[in-house]
Amino acid sequence: MKFDLPDRRQRAAGEGAFTLIEVVMAAAIAALICTAVIECYAMGSRKSQYAACSLAANMQAIKKIEQVIFAQWVPSYGTTNIFNPALTNIDTENLEMPVANTNVITCTNYTSVNLLSTNPPYLMIRVDCVWGFNGLGTFTNTVAVLRGPNIQ
C-alpha cells in the first residue's frame, strides 16, 4: 500500500501566505475598530461629565429652594420674610463638583416667588439654575415647588 503525501518542498513560494491586499484590508479594519472604540469612550466620558454637571446644577437649585421654603410666612398675622430680596436675588456660584485648577463651572440661580392664590394662600417658588458646559451652550435646570403658609 502506497500513500501519496504532498511534497511540501514543491509548493509555489507564495501559496500559503497572505497577499498584500489582505494585509492592508485587515489593518484597515483593525484601525477602524480601534478608532470606534476610542470615539465611544470619549463620547461616554462627555455624557457622564454632562450628567454630573446637570445633577450638580439641580442640587444648587434645590439648595436655594430650601432656603426660601424655610422662611417665615404667616399671612394672617402679617409675618413674612419670604419675599425678602436676599432670598430672591440672583446668585452666582460654582457647581459643587470636584475641581482641579481650571475646570470650575459657574452657575447662576434666578429665584422667583409668586403668590398663586390668597384664599387659600399658596406660593410658587421657582429656581432656574443656568450653567454652561464646555463651550457647547448654556443649559437650565428648573426646580419649582408650591408652598403653603406656616401654621400658627
N, C-alpha and C. Protein backbone atom coordinates (compact mmCIF):
# COMPACT_ATOMS: atom_id res chain seq x y z
N MET A 1 0.83 -1.16 0.00
CA MET A 1 0.00 0.00 0.00
C MET A 1 0.88 1.23 0.00
N LYS A 2 0.50 2.12 -0.86
CA LYS A 2 1.32 3.31 -1.02
C LYS A 2 0.47 4.54 -0.73
N PHE A 3 0.99 5.45 0.13
CA PHE A 3 0.29 6.71 0.44
C PHE A 3 0.95 7.82 -0.32
N ASP A 4 0.11 8.63 -0.95
CA ASP A 4 0.64 9.80 -1.65
C ASP A 4 0.57 11.01 -0.73
N LEU A 5 1.63 11.35 -0.11
CA LEU A 5 1.70 12.54 0.72
C LEU A 5 2.19 13.70 -0.13
N PRO A 6 1.61 14.87 0.08
CA PRO A 6 2.06 16.02 -0.71
C PRO A 6 3.49 16.38 -0.35
N ASP A 7 4.23 16.70 -1.32
CA ASP A 7 5.61 17.11 -1.11
C ASP A 7 5.62 18.61 -0.83
N ARG A 8 5.94 18.96 0.37
CA ARG A 8 5.90 20.37 0.76
C ARG A 8 6.99 21.19 0.10
N ARG A 9 8.02 20.58 -0.35
CA ARG A 9 9.10 21.33 -0.97
C ARG A 9 8.75 21.79 -2.37
N GLN A 10 7.76 21.18 -2.98
CA GLN A 10 7.45 21.53 -4.35
C GLN A 10 6.33 22.58 -4.48
N ARG A 11 5.81 23.09 -3.37
CA ARG A 11 4.78 24.12 -3.44
C ARG A 11 5.34 25.41 -3.99
N ALA A 12 4.43 26.24 -4.52
CA ALA A 12 4.85 27.55 -5.00
C ALA A 12 5.22 28.43 -3.81
N ALA A 13 6.03 29.43 -4.04
CA ALA A 13 6.58 30.23 -2.96
C ALA A 13 5.51 31.00 -2.19
N GLY A 14 4.50 31.60 -2.79
CA GLY A 14 3.53 32.43 -2.08
C GLY A 14 2.20 31.77 -1.83
N GLU A 15 2.14 30.49 -1.97
CA GLU A 15 0.87 29.79 -1.91
C GLU A 15 0.24 29.82 -0.51
N GLY A 16 0.97 29.77 0.56
CA GLY A 16 0.42 29.71 1.91
C GLY A 16 0.39 31.04 2.64
N ALA A 17 0.82 32.12 2.08
CA ALA A 17 0.91 33.41 2.76
C ALA A 17 -0.27 34.30 2.39
N PHE A 18 -0.38 35.43 3.10
CA PHE A 18 -1.40 36.42 2.79
C PHE A 18 -0.91 37.31 1.66
N THR A 19 -1.85 37.82 0.89
CA THR A 19 -1.48 38.78 -0.15
C THR A 19 -1.43 40.17 0.46
N LEU A 20 -0.85 41.09 -0.26
CA LEU A 20 -0.73 42.46 0.23
C LEU A 20 -2.11 43.09 0.43
N ILE A 21 -3.04 42.82 -0.42
CA ILE A 21 -4.40 43.39 -0.30
C ILE A 21 -5.07 42.87 0.96
N GLU A 22 -4.90 41.60 1.29
CA GLU A 22 -5.49 41.05 2.51
C GLU A 22 -4.89 41.68 3.75
N VAL A 23 -3.60 41.90 3.75
CA VAL A 23 -2.94 42.53 4.90
C VAL A 23 -3.41 43.97 5.07
N VAL A 24 -3.51 44.71 3.96
CA VAL A 24 -3.96 46.10 4.03
C VAL A 24 -5.40 46.17 4.53
N MET A 25 -6.27 45.29 4.03
CA MET A 25 -7.67 45.28 4.47
C MET A 25 -7.78 44.93 5.95
N ALA A 26 -7.00 43.98 6.42
CA ALA A 26 -7.02 43.61 7.84
C ALA A 26 -6.55 44.77 8.71
N ALA A 27 -5.51 45.47 8.26
CA ALA A 27 -5.02 46.63 9.01
C ALA A 27 -6.06 47.74 9.02
N ALA A 28 -6.75 47.95 7.91
CA ALA A 28 -7.78 48.99 7.84
C ALA A 28 -8.95 48.66 8.77
N ILE A 29 -9.36 47.41 8.80
CA ILE A 29 -10.45 47.01 9.69
C ILE A 29 -10.03 47.17 11.15
N ALA A 30 -8.81 46.79 11.49
CA ALA A 30 -8.32 46.94 12.86
C ALA A 30 -8.25 48.41 13.26
N ALA A 31 -7.78 49.27 12.34
CA ALA A 31 -7.72 50.71 12.63
C ALA A 31 -9.12 51.28 12.82
N LEU A 32 -10.07 50.86 12.02
CA LEU A 32 -11.45 51.32 12.13
C LEU A 32 -12.06 50.92 13.47
N ILE A 33 -11.81 49.71 13.89
CA ILE A 33 -12.34 49.23 15.17
C ILE A 33 -11.71 49.99 16.33
N CYS A 34 -10.40 50.22 16.28
CA CYS A 34 -9.72 50.97 17.34
C CYS A 34 -10.23 52.40 17.42
N THR A 35 -10.45 53.04 16.27
CA THR A 35 -10.98 54.39 16.24
C THR A 35 -12.38 54.43 16.83
N ALA A 36 -13.21 53.46 16.50
CA ALA A 36 -14.58 53.41 17.03
C ALA A 36 -14.58 53.23 18.54
N VAL A 37 -13.71 52.38 19.05
CA VAL A 37 -13.64 52.16 20.50
C VAL A 37 -13.21 53.44 21.22
N ILE A 38 -12.21 54.12 20.69
CA ILE A 38 -11.74 55.36 21.32
C ILE A 38 -12.81 56.44 21.25
N GLU A 39 -13.51 56.55 20.13
CA GLU A 39 -14.57 57.55 19.99
C GLU A 39 -15.74 57.26 20.93
N CYS A 40 -16.09 56.00 21.09
CA CYS A 40 -17.16 55.63 22.03
C CYS A 40 -16.76 55.95 23.46
N TYR A 41 -15.51 55.72 23.80
CA TYR A 41 -15.03 56.07 25.14
C TYR A 41 -15.10 57.58 25.36
N ALA A 42 -14.69 58.37 24.38
CA ALA A 42 -14.74 59.83 24.52
C ALA A 42 -16.18 60.32 24.62
N MET A 43 -17.08 59.75 23.85
CA MET A 43 -18.48 60.16 23.91
C MET A 43 -19.08 59.80 25.27
N GLY A 44 -18.78 58.63 25.77
CA GLY A 44 -19.26 58.24 27.09
C GLY A 44 -18.72 59.14 28.19
N SER A 45 -17.48 59.56 28.05
CA SER A 45 -16.88 60.47 29.02
C SER A 45 -17.58 61.82 29.01
N ARG A 46 -17.86 62.35 27.80
CA ARG A 46 -18.58 63.63 27.71
C ARG A 46 -19.98 63.53 28.30
N LYS A 47 -20.68 62.46 27.99
CA LYS A 47 -22.04 62.29 28.50
C LYS A 47 -22.06 62.16 30.02
N SER A 48 -21.10 61.45 30.58
CA SER A 48 -21.07 61.32 32.04
C SER A 48 -20.70 62.63 32.71
N GLN A 49 -19.83 63.42 32.09
CA GLN A 49 -19.50 64.73 32.65
C GLN A 49 -20.70 65.66 32.57
N TYR A 50 -21.44 65.62 31.46
CA TYR A 50 -22.65 66.43 31.34
C TYR A 50 -23.67 66.02 32.41
N ALA A 51 -23.84 64.73 32.63
CA ALA A 51 -24.79 64.27 33.64
C ALA A 51 -24.38 64.72 35.03
N ALA A 52 -23.08 64.70 35.32
CA ALA A 52 -22.60 65.16 36.62
C ALA A 52 -22.86 66.65 36.80
N CYS A 53 -22.63 67.44 35.75
CA CYS A 53 -22.88 68.88 35.83
C CYS A 53 -24.37 69.16 36.00
N SER A 54 -25.20 68.43 35.28
CA SER A 54 -26.64 68.63 35.39
C SER A 54 -27.14 68.29 36.79
N LEU A 55 -26.63 67.22 37.36
CA LEU A 55 -27.02 66.85 38.72
C LEU A 55 -26.54 67.89 39.73
N ALA A 56 -25.34 68.39 39.55
CA ALA A 56 -24.82 69.43 40.46
C ALA A 56 -25.65 70.71 40.34
N ALA A 57 -26.07 71.07 39.13
CA ALA A 57 -26.92 72.26 38.95
C ALA A 57 -28.28 72.04 39.60
N ASN A 58 -28.80 70.85 39.50
CA ASN A 58 -30.08 70.55 40.15
C ASN A 58 -29.95 70.67 41.67
N MET A 59 -28.84 70.22 42.21
CA MET A 59 -28.62 70.32 43.66
C MET A 59 -28.48 71.78 44.09
N GLN A 60 -27.86 72.62 43.26
CA GLN A 60 -27.75 74.04 43.57
C GLN A 60 -29.15 74.68 43.62
N ALA A 61 -30.01 74.30 42.67
CA ALA A 61 -31.37 74.85 42.65
C ALA A 61 -32.16 74.38 43.86
N ILE A 62 -32.02 73.13 44.23
CA ILE A 62 -32.73 72.61 45.40
C ILE A 62 -32.23 73.27 46.67
N LYS A 63 -30.92 73.53 46.76
CA LYS A 63 -30.37 74.21 47.93
C LYS A 63 -30.98 75.60 48.08
N LYS A 64 -31.13 76.30 46.97
CA LYS A 64 -31.73 77.64 47.02
C LYS A 64 -33.22 77.56 47.37
N ILE A 65 -33.92 76.57 46.84
CA ILE A 65 -35.35 76.42 47.17
C ILE A 65 -35.52 76.14 48.66
N GLU A 66 -34.65 75.35 49.24
CA GLU A 66 -34.76 75.05 50.67
C GLU A 66 -34.60 76.32 51.50
N GLN A 67 -33.72 77.22 51.08
CA GLN A 67 -33.57 78.47 51.81
C GLN A 67 -34.87 79.27 51.80
N VAL A 68 -35.55 79.30 50.66
CA VAL A 68 -36.79 80.07 50.56
C VAL A 68 -37.92 79.35 51.28
N ILE A 69 -37.98 78.04 51.22
CA ILE A 69 -39.05 77.29 51.88
C ILE A 69 -39.03 77.50 53.39
N PHE A 70 -37.85 77.58 53.98
CA PHE A 70 -37.75 77.70 55.43
C PHE A 70 -37.90 79.13 55.93
N ALA A 71 -38.23 80.06 55.07
CA ALA A 71 -38.50 81.43 55.51
C ALA A 71 -39.88 81.49 56.17
N GLN A 72 -40.07 82.44 57.06
CA GLN A 72 -41.34 82.60 57.76
C GLN A 72 -42.39 83.22 56.84
N TRP A 73 -43.60 82.63 56.85
CA TRP A 73 -44.71 83.21 56.08
C TRP A 73 -46.01 82.87 56.79
N VAL A 74 -46.54 83.86 57.51
CA VAL A 74 -47.82 83.73 58.20
C VAL A 74 -48.69 84.89 57.73
N PRO A 75 -49.47 84.71 56.67
CA PRO A 75 -50.23 85.83 56.11
C PRO A 75 -51.28 86.39 57.05
N SER A 76 -51.87 85.58 57.94
CA SER A 76 -52.93 86.08 58.83
C SER A 76 -52.39 87.05 59.87
N TYR A 77 -51.13 86.91 60.28
CA TYR A 77 -50.53 87.81 61.25
C TYR A 77 -49.66 88.88 60.60
N GLY A 78 -49.53 88.83 59.31
CA GLY A 78 -48.69 89.80 58.61
C GLY A 78 -47.21 89.51 58.73
N THR A 79 -46.85 88.34 59.25
CA THR A 79 -45.44 87.97 59.41
C THR A 79 -44.95 87.33 58.13
N THR A 80 -43.98 87.96 57.51
CA THR A 80 -43.41 87.36 56.31
C THR A 80 -42.00 87.85 56.08
N ASN A 81 -41.15 86.96 55.71
CA ASN A 81 -39.83 87.34 55.18
C ASN A 81 -39.53 86.49 53.96
N ILE A 82 -40.58 85.87 53.41
CA ILE A 82 -40.38 85.02 52.26
C ILE A 82 -40.15 85.82 50.98
N PHE A 83 -40.62 87.07 50.97
CA PHE A 83 -40.40 87.93 49.81
C PHE A 83 -39.15 88.79 49.97
N ASN A 84 -38.32 88.47 50.94
CA ASN A 84 -37.10 89.21 51.22
C ASN A 84 -36.20 89.19 49.98
N PRO A 85 -35.71 90.37 49.56
CA PRO A 85 -34.84 90.40 48.38
C PRO A 85 -33.57 89.56 48.53
N ALA A 86 -33.15 89.31 49.77
CA ALA A 86 -31.96 88.46 49.96
C ALA A 86 -32.25 87.02 49.53
N LEU A 87 -33.52 86.60 49.58
CA LEU A 87 -33.87 85.24 49.17
C LEU A 87 -34.16 85.14 47.68
N THR A 88 -34.60 86.25 47.08
CA THR A 88 -35.00 86.19 45.67
C THR A 88 -34.01 86.89 44.74
N ASN A 89 -32.79 87.08 45.19
CA ASN A 89 -31.81 87.74 44.33
C ASN A 89 -31.19 86.75 43.35
N ILE A 90 -30.35 87.26 42.50
CA ILE A 90 -29.64 86.43 41.52
C ILE A 90 -28.28 86.07 42.10
N ASP A 91 -28.04 84.78 42.26
CA ASP A 91 -26.80 84.29 42.87
C ASP A 91 -25.92 83.65 41.81
N THR A 92 -24.64 83.97 41.85
CA THR A 92 -23.66 83.30 41.00
C THR A 92 -22.75 82.48 41.90
N GLU A 93 -22.71 81.19 41.64
CA GLU A 93 -21.93 80.27 42.46
C GLU A 93 -21.19 79.29 41.57
N ASN A 94 -20.36 78.48 42.17
CA ASN A 94 -19.70 77.38 41.46
C ASN A 94 -20.48 76.10 41.68
N LEU A 95 -20.55 75.27 40.66
CA LEU A 95 -21.19 73.98 40.84
C LEU A 95 -20.36 73.15 41.80
N GLU A 96 -21.02 72.44 42.67
CA GLU A 96 -20.33 71.64 43.68
C GLU A 96 -19.90 70.31 43.08
N MET A 97 -18.73 70.37 42.46
CA MET A 97 -18.14 69.20 41.82
C MET A 97 -16.66 69.18 42.15
N PRO A 98 -16.02 68.03 42.01
CA PRO A 98 -14.57 68.00 42.20
C PRO A 98 -13.89 68.90 41.16
N VAL A 99 -12.99 69.74 41.63
CA VAL A 99 -12.34 70.68 40.72
C VAL A 99 -10.83 70.54 40.81
N ALA A 100 -10.19 70.84 39.70
CA ALA A 100 -8.74 70.99 39.67
C ALA A 100 -8.49 72.47 39.38
N ASN A 101 -7.43 72.80 38.72
CA ASN A 101 -7.07 74.20 38.54
C ASN A 101 -8.08 74.99 37.71
N THR A 102 -8.45 74.48 36.55
CA THR A 102 -9.22 75.31 35.62
C THR A 102 -10.58 74.74 35.25
N ASN A 103 -11.04 73.69 35.87
CA ASN A 103 -12.32 73.12 35.46
C ASN A 103 -13.48 73.54 36.33
N VAL A 104 -13.45 74.75 36.88
CA VAL A 104 -14.54 75.27 37.70
C VAL A 104 -15.67 75.68 36.76
N ILE A 105 -16.88 75.22 37.07
CA ILE A 105 -18.06 75.57 36.28
C ILE A 105 -18.95 76.43 37.15
N THR A 106 -19.25 77.62 36.67
CA THR A 106 -20.10 78.53 37.44
C THR A 106 -21.55 78.39 36.98
N CYS A 107 -22.44 78.73 37.90
CA CYS A 107 -23.86 78.71 37.59
C CYS A 107 -24.50 79.96 38.17
N THR A 108 -25.63 80.33 37.63
CA THR A 108 -26.38 81.47 38.11
C THR A 108 -27.79 81.01 38.47
N ASN A 109 -28.21 81.29 39.71
CA ASN A 109 -29.53 80.91 40.19
C ASN A 109 -30.46 82.12 40.12
N TYR A 110 -31.56 81.98 39.41
CA TYR A 110 -32.60 83.00 39.34
C TYR A 110 -33.78 82.50 40.15
N THR A 111 -34.10 83.19 41.25
CA THR A 111 -35.16 82.74 42.16
C THR A 111 -36.34 83.67 42.04
N SER A 112 -37.54 83.08 41.93
CA SER A 112 -38.76 83.89 41.91
C SER A 112 -39.78 83.28 42.85
N VAL A 113 -40.50 84.15 43.56
CA VAL A 113 -41.56 83.73 44.48
C VAL A 113 -42.82 84.43 44.02
N ASN A 114 -43.84 83.66 43.62
CA ASN A 114 -45.08 84.22 43.11
C ASN A 114 -46.25 83.76 43.96
N LEU A 115 -47.12 84.69 44.30
CA LEU A 115 -48.33 84.37 45.05
C LEU A 115 -49.36 83.82 44.07
N LEU A 116 -49.75 82.55 44.22
CA LEU A 116 -50.70 81.94 43.30
C LEU A 116 -52.14 82.22 43.70
N SER A 117 -52.44 82.16 44.98
CA SER A 117 -53.79 82.46 45.44
C SER A 117 -53.73 82.99 46.86
N THR A 118 -54.75 83.76 47.22
CA THR A 118 -54.80 84.32 48.57
C THR A 118 -55.74 83.53 49.47
N ASN A 119 -56.71 82.84 48.88
CA ASN A 119 -57.63 82.06 49.68
C ASN A 119 -57.84 80.71 49.01
N PRO A 120 -57.23 79.68 49.39
CA PRO A 120 -56.18 79.51 50.39
C PRO A 120 -54.86 80.08 49.88
N PRO A 121 -54.03 80.53 50.80
CA PRO A 121 -52.77 81.14 50.37
C PRO A 121 -51.75 80.09 49.91
N TYR A 122 -51.26 80.29 48.71
CA TYR A 122 -50.22 79.42 48.15
C TYR A 122 -49.21 80.25 47.38
N LEU A 123 -47.96 79.82 47.49
CA LEU A 123 -46.87 80.43 46.74
C LEU A 123 -46.27 79.40 45.80
N MET A 124 -45.75 79.89 44.69
CA MET A 124 -44.92 79.04 43.85
C MET A 124 -43.50 79.59 43.93
N ILE A 125 -42.58 78.73 44.33
CA ILE A 125 -41.17 79.10 44.42
C ILE A 125 -40.48 78.39 43.27
N ARG A 126 -39.78 79.17 42.45
CA ARG A 126 -39.13 78.62 41.27
C ARG A 126 -37.68 79.10 41.23
N VAL A 127 -36.79 78.16 40.98
CA VAL A 127 -35.36 78.48 40.85
C VAL A 127 -34.89 77.93 39.51
N ASP A 128 -34.30 78.81 38.70
CA ASP A 128 -33.68 78.42 37.43
C ASP A 128 -32.18 78.50 37.62
N CYS A 129 -31.51 77.38 37.45
CA CYS A 129 -30.05 77.32 37.56
C CYS A 129 -29.49 77.24 36.14
N VAL A 130 -28.80 78.29 35.71
CA VAL A 130 -28.27 78.38 34.35
C VAL A 130 -26.76 78.14 34.43
N TRP A 131 -26.27 77.24 33.60
CA TRP A 131 -24.86 76.87 33.62
C TRP A 131 -24.39 76.55 32.21
N GLY A 132 -23.10 76.68 31.99
CA GLY A 132 -22.52 76.39 30.68
C GLY A 132 -21.69 75.13 30.74
N PHE A 133 -21.60 74.46 29.59
CA PHE A 133 -20.86 73.19 29.56
C PHE A 133 -19.89 73.18 28.40
N ASN A 134 -18.61 73.26 28.68
CA ASN A 134 -17.51 73.12 27.71
C ASN A 134 -17.70 73.93 26.44
N GLY A 135 -18.28 75.08 26.53
CA GLY A 135 -18.48 75.91 25.36
C GLY A 135 -19.53 75.38 24.40
N LEU A 136 -20.31 74.38 24.80
CA LEU A 136 -21.33 73.81 23.93
C LEU A 136 -22.68 74.51 24.08
N GLY A 137 -22.77 75.48 24.97
CA GLY A 137 -24.02 76.21 25.16
C GLY A 137 -24.35 76.33 26.63
N THR A 138 -25.44 77.03 26.89
CA THR A 138 -25.92 77.17 28.26
C THR A 138 -27.14 76.27 28.44
N PHE A 139 -27.23 75.73 29.63
CA PHE A 139 -28.31 74.81 29.96
C PHE A 139 -29.00 75.33 31.22
N THR A 140 -30.27 75.00 31.37
CA THR A 140 -31.05 75.48 32.50
C THR A 140 -31.72 74.30 33.20
N ASN A 141 -31.51 74.22 34.50
CA ASN A 141 -32.24 73.27 35.34
C ASN A 141 -33.25 74.08 36.15
N THR A 142 -34.51 73.72 36.08
CA THR A 142 -35.56 74.44 36.78
C THR A 142 -36.19 73.52 37.82
N VAL A 143 -36.33 74.06 39.03
CA VAL A 143 -37.00 73.35 40.11
C VAL A 143 -38.06 74.29 40.66
N ALA A 144 -39.27 73.79 40.81
CA ALA A 144 -40.38 74.61 41.33
C ALA A 144 -41.16 73.80 42.35
N VAL A 145 -41.63 74.49 43.40
CA VAL A 145 -42.45 73.86 44.42
C VAL A 145 -43.60 74.80 44.79
N LEU A 146 -44.66 74.23 45.32
CA LEU A 146 -45.75 75.00 45.90
C LEU A 146 -45.58 74.99 47.40
N ARG A 147 -45.90 76.13 48.03
CA ARG A 147 -45.73 76.23 49.47
C ARG A 147 -46.94 76.90 50.08
N GLY A 148 -47.39 76.33 51.16
CA GLY A 148 -48.45 76.94 51.95
C GLY A 148 -47.85 77.73 53.09
N PRO A 149 -48.67 78.49 53.80
CA PRO A 149 -48.16 79.31 54.90
C PRO A 149 -47.81 78.48 56.12
N ASN A 150 -47.04 79.10 57.03
CA ASN A 150 -46.75 78.48 58.32
C ASN A 150 -48.03 78.46 59.14
N ILE A 151 -48.23 77.42 59.91
CA ILE A 151 -49.42 77.32 60.76
C ILE A 151 -49.05 77.85 62.13
N GLN A 152 -49.84 78.80 62.63
CA GLN A 152 -49.57 79.39 63.95
C GLN A 152 -50.65 79.01 64.93
